[in-house]
């Protein structure tokens, strides 16, 4: 007869292996998608930063033009 504690440990080991396998499959399936999403978010943040810098430069030019015209 199998010890109940040993049986529970064996079941936990099998479930852990199943979970690891599922995690690996999900990583293979969605890993590239996640990487593309991260790159897209980085590019979006860079673009927002460039737009903000352009606006700040443009606003500074307008202020200098007003000062010269005065």
N, C-alpha and C. Protein backbone atom coordinates (compact mmCIF):
# COMPACT_ATOMS: atom_id res chain seq x y z
N UNK A 1 0.84 -1.19 0.00
CA UNK A 1 0.00 0.00 0.00
C UNK A 1 0.88 1.24 0.00
N UNK A 2 0.46 2.23 -0.77
CA UNK A 2 1.23 3.45 -0.93
C UNK A 2 0.96 4.41 0.23
N UNK A 3 2.00 5.01 0.70
CA UNK A 3 1.88 5.99 1.78
C UNK A 3 1.09 7.19 1.25
N UNK A 4 0.06 7.70 1.99
CA UNK A 4 -0.74 8.83 1.51
C UNK A 4 0.09 10.10 1.28
N UNK A 5 1.07 10.31 2.14
CA UNK A 5 1.92 11.49 1.97
C UNK A 5 2.74 11.38 0.68
N UNK A 6 3.26 10.20 0.42
CA UNK A 6 4.01 9.97 -0.81
C UNK A 6 3.11 10.15 -2.04
N UNK A 7 1.89 9.68 -1.95
CA UNK A 7 0.94 9.82 -3.07
C UNK A 7 0.64 11.29 -3.34
N UNK A 8 0.45 12.07 -2.27
CA UNK A 8 0.19 13.51 -2.45
C UNK A 8 1.40 14.21 -3.05
N UNK A 9 2.58 13.82 -2.60
CA UNK A 9 3.81 14.42 -3.15
C UNK A 9 3.95 14.07 -4.62
N UNK A 10 3.67 12.84 -4.96
CA UNK A 10 3.76 12.41 -6.36
C UNK A 10 2.77 13.20 -7.23
N UNK A 11 1.56 13.38 -6.73
CA UNK A 11 0.55 14.15 -7.46
C UNK A 11 0.99 15.60 -7.65
N UNK A 12 1.57 16.19 -6.60
CA UNK A 12 2.05 17.57 -6.69
C UNK A 12 3.16 17.69 -7.73
N UNK A 13 4.04 16.71 -7.78
CA UNK A 13 5.12 16.73 -8.76
C UNK A 13 4.56 16.65 -10.18
N UNK A 14 3.59 15.78 -10.39
CA UNK A 14 2.98 15.65 -11.71
C UNK A 14 2.25 16.93 -12.12
N UNK A 15 1.52 17.53 -11.18
CA UNK A 15 0.82 18.78 -11.49
C UNK A 15 1.80 19.90 -11.79
N UNK A 16 2.91 19.93 -11.06
CA UNK A 16 3.93 20.94 -11.31
C UNK A 16 4.52 20.79 -12.71
N UNK A 17 4.76 19.56 -13.11
CA UNK A 17 5.29 19.32 -14.46
C UNK A 17 4.29 19.75 -15.52
N UNK A 18 3.01 19.49 -15.28
CA UNK A 18 1.96 19.90 -16.22
C UNK A 18 1.92 21.42 -16.34
N UNK A 19 1.99 22.10 -15.20
CA UNK A 19 1.94 23.57 -15.20
C UNK A 19 3.16 24.14 -15.93
N UNK A 20 4.34 23.56 -15.68
CA UNK A 20 5.55 24.03 -16.37
C UNK A 20 5.41 23.86 -17.88
N UNK A 21 4.86 22.74 -18.30
CA UNK A 21 4.66 22.48 -19.73
C UNK A 21 3.69 23.49 -20.33
N UNK A 22 2.58 23.77 -19.64
CA UNK A 22 1.61 24.75 -20.13
C UNK A 22 2.25 26.14 -20.21
N UNK A 23 3.05 26.48 -19.21
CA UNK A 23 3.72 27.79 -19.21
C UNK A 23 4.67 27.90 -20.41
N UNK A 24 5.41 26.83 -20.67
CA UNK A 24 6.35 26.83 -21.80
C UNK A 24 5.60 27.00 -23.12
N UNK A 25 4.49 26.29 -23.27
CA UNK A 25 3.70 26.41 -24.50
C UNK A 25 3.13 27.82 -24.66
N UNK A 26 2.64 28.39 -23.57
CA UNK A 26 2.11 29.76 -23.64
C UNK A 26 3.22 30.75 -23.99
N UNK A 27 4.39 30.55 -23.41
CA UNK A 27 5.51 31.43 -23.71
C UNK A 27 5.90 31.33 -25.18
N UNK A 28 5.90 30.12 -25.72
CA UNK A 28 6.22 29.95 -27.14
C UNK A 28 5.18 30.62 -28.02
N UNK A 29 3.92 30.53 -27.61
CA UNK A 29 2.84 31.09 -28.42
C UNK A 29 2.77 32.61 -28.32
N UNK A 30 2.87 33.14 -27.10
CA UNK A 30 2.64 34.56 -26.91
C UNK A 30 3.91 35.37 -26.68
N UNK A 31 5.06 34.71 -26.56
CA UNK A 31 6.31 35.43 -26.35
C UNK A 31 6.61 36.44 -27.46
N UNK A 32 6.57 36.02 -28.73
CA UNK A 32 6.83 36.98 -29.81
C UNK A 32 5.82 38.13 -29.84
N UNK A 33 4.57 37.82 -29.54
CA UNK A 33 3.54 38.86 -29.50
C UNK A 33 3.85 39.86 -28.39
N UNK A 34 4.25 39.35 -27.22
CA UNK A 34 4.61 40.22 -26.11
C UNK A 34 5.80 41.10 -26.47
N UNK A 35 6.78 40.52 -27.14
CA UNK A 35 7.96 41.29 -27.53
C UNK A 35 7.60 42.40 -28.51
N UNK A 36 6.72 42.10 -29.47
CA UNK A 36 6.29 43.13 -30.43
C UNK A 36 5.50 44.23 -29.72
N UNK A 37 4.68 43.85 -28.76
CA UNK A 37 3.91 44.83 -28.00
C UNK A 37 4.84 45.75 -27.22
N UNK A 38 5.84 45.17 -26.57
CA UNK A 38 6.81 45.99 -25.83
C UNK A 38 7.53 46.96 -26.75
N UNK A 39 7.94 46.49 -27.92
CA UNK A 39 8.63 47.36 -28.88
C UNK A 39 7.71 48.47 -29.35
N UNK A 40 6.45 48.15 -29.61
CA UNK A 40 5.48 49.15 -30.05
C UNK A 40 5.28 50.21 -28.97
N UNK A 41 5.20 49.77 -27.72
CA UNK A 41 5.02 50.73 -26.63
C UNK A 41 6.25 51.63 -26.50
N UNK A 42 7.45 51.07 -26.67
CA UNK A 42 8.67 51.86 -26.62
C UNK A 42 8.69 52.88 -27.75
N UNK A 43 8.36 52.44 -28.96
CA UNK A 43 8.34 53.36 -30.09
C UNK A 43 7.31 54.46 -29.89
N UNK A 44 6.16 54.13 -29.32
CA UNK A 44 5.13 55.12 -29.05
C UNK A 44 5.63 56.15 -28.05
N UNK A 45 6.28 55.70 -27.00
CA UNK A 45 6.82 56.62 -25.99
C UNK A 45 7.88 57.52 -26.60
N UNK A 46 8.73 56.97 -27.46
CA UNK A 46 9.76 57.78 -28.11
C UNK A 46 9.12 58.83 -29.01
N UNK A 47 8.09 58.46 -29.74
CA UNK A 47 7.41 59.40 -30.62
C UNK A 47 6.76 60.51 -29.82
N UNK A 48 6.10 60.16 -28.71
CA UNK A 48 5.49 61.19 -27.86
C UNK A 48 6.55 62.15 -27.34
N UNK A 49 7.70 61.63 -26.98
CA UNK A 49 8.79 62.47 -26.49
C UNK A 49 9.28 63.41 -27.58
N UNK A 50 9.41 62.90 -28.80
CA UNK A 50 9.84 63.74 -29.91
C UNK A 50 8.81 64.82 -30.23
N UNK A 51 7.53 64.47 -30.20
CA UNK A 51 6.47 65.45 -30.46
C UNK A 51 6.50 66.54 -29.40
N UNK A 52 6.65 66.15 -28.14
CA UNK A 52 6.71 67.13 -27.06
C UNK A 52 7.91 68.06 -27.24
N UNK A 53 9.07 67.50 -27.58
CA UNK A 53 10.26 68.33 -27.80
C UNK A 53 10.05 69.28 -28.96
N UNK A 54 9.42 68.79 -30.04
CA UNK A 54 9.15 69.65 -31.19
C UNK A 54 8.22 70.80 -30.79
N UNK A 55 7.18 70.49 -30.03
CA UNK A 55 6.26 71.54 -29.59
C UNK A 55 6.96 72.56 -28.71
N UNK A 56 7.82 72.07 -27.82
CA UNK A 56 8.54 73.00 -26.94
C UNK A 56 9.48 73.88 -27.76
N UNK A 57 10.15 73.31 -28.75
CA UNK A 57 11.02 74.10 -29.61
C UNK A 57 10.21 75.12 -30.40
N UNK A 58 9.07 74.69 -30.91
CA UNK A 58 8.22 75.58 -31.70
C UNK A 58 7.68 76.71 -30.82
N UNK A 59 7.26 76.40 -29.60
CA UNK A 59 6.77 77.43 -28.68
C UNK A 59 7.88 78.42 -28.34
N UNK A 60 9.10 77.94 -28.20
CA UNK A 60 10.23 78.82 -27.92
C UNK A 60 10.51 79.75 -29.09
N UNK A 61 10.38 79.27 -30.32
CA UNK A 61 10.59 80.11 -31.50
C UNK A 61 9.52 81.19 -31.57
N UNK A 62 8.26 80.85 -31.27
CA UNK A 62 7.18 81.83 -31.28
C UNK A 62 7.44 82.93 -30.26
N UNK A 63 7.93 82.55 -29.09
CA UNK A 63 8.19 83.54 -28.04
C UNK A 63 9.33 84.47 -28.48
N UNK A 64 10.37 83.92 -29.11
CA UNK A 64 11.48 84.77 -29.57
C UNK A 64 11.01 85.71 -30.68
N UNK A 65 10.14 85.22 -31.57
CA UNK A 65 9.63 86.08 -32.64
C UNK A 65 8.79 87.22 -32.06
N UNK A 66 8.02 86.95 -31.02
CA UNK A 66 7.23 88.01 -30.38
C UNK A 66 8.14 89.03 -29.72
N UNK A 67 9.24 88.54 -29.11
CA UNK A 67 10.18 89.46 -28.46
C UNK A 67 10.86 90.35 -29.50
N UNK A 68 11.21 89.81 -30.64
CA UNK A 68 11.88 90.58 -31.70
C UNK A 68 10.90 91.60 -32.28
N UNK A 69 9.65 91.22 -32.44
CA UNK A 69 8.65 92.11 -33.03
C UNK A 69 8.30 93.26 -32.09
N UNK A 70 8.51 93.10 -30.81
CA UNK A 70 8.14 94.14 -29.83
C UNK A 70 9.06 95.32 -29.85
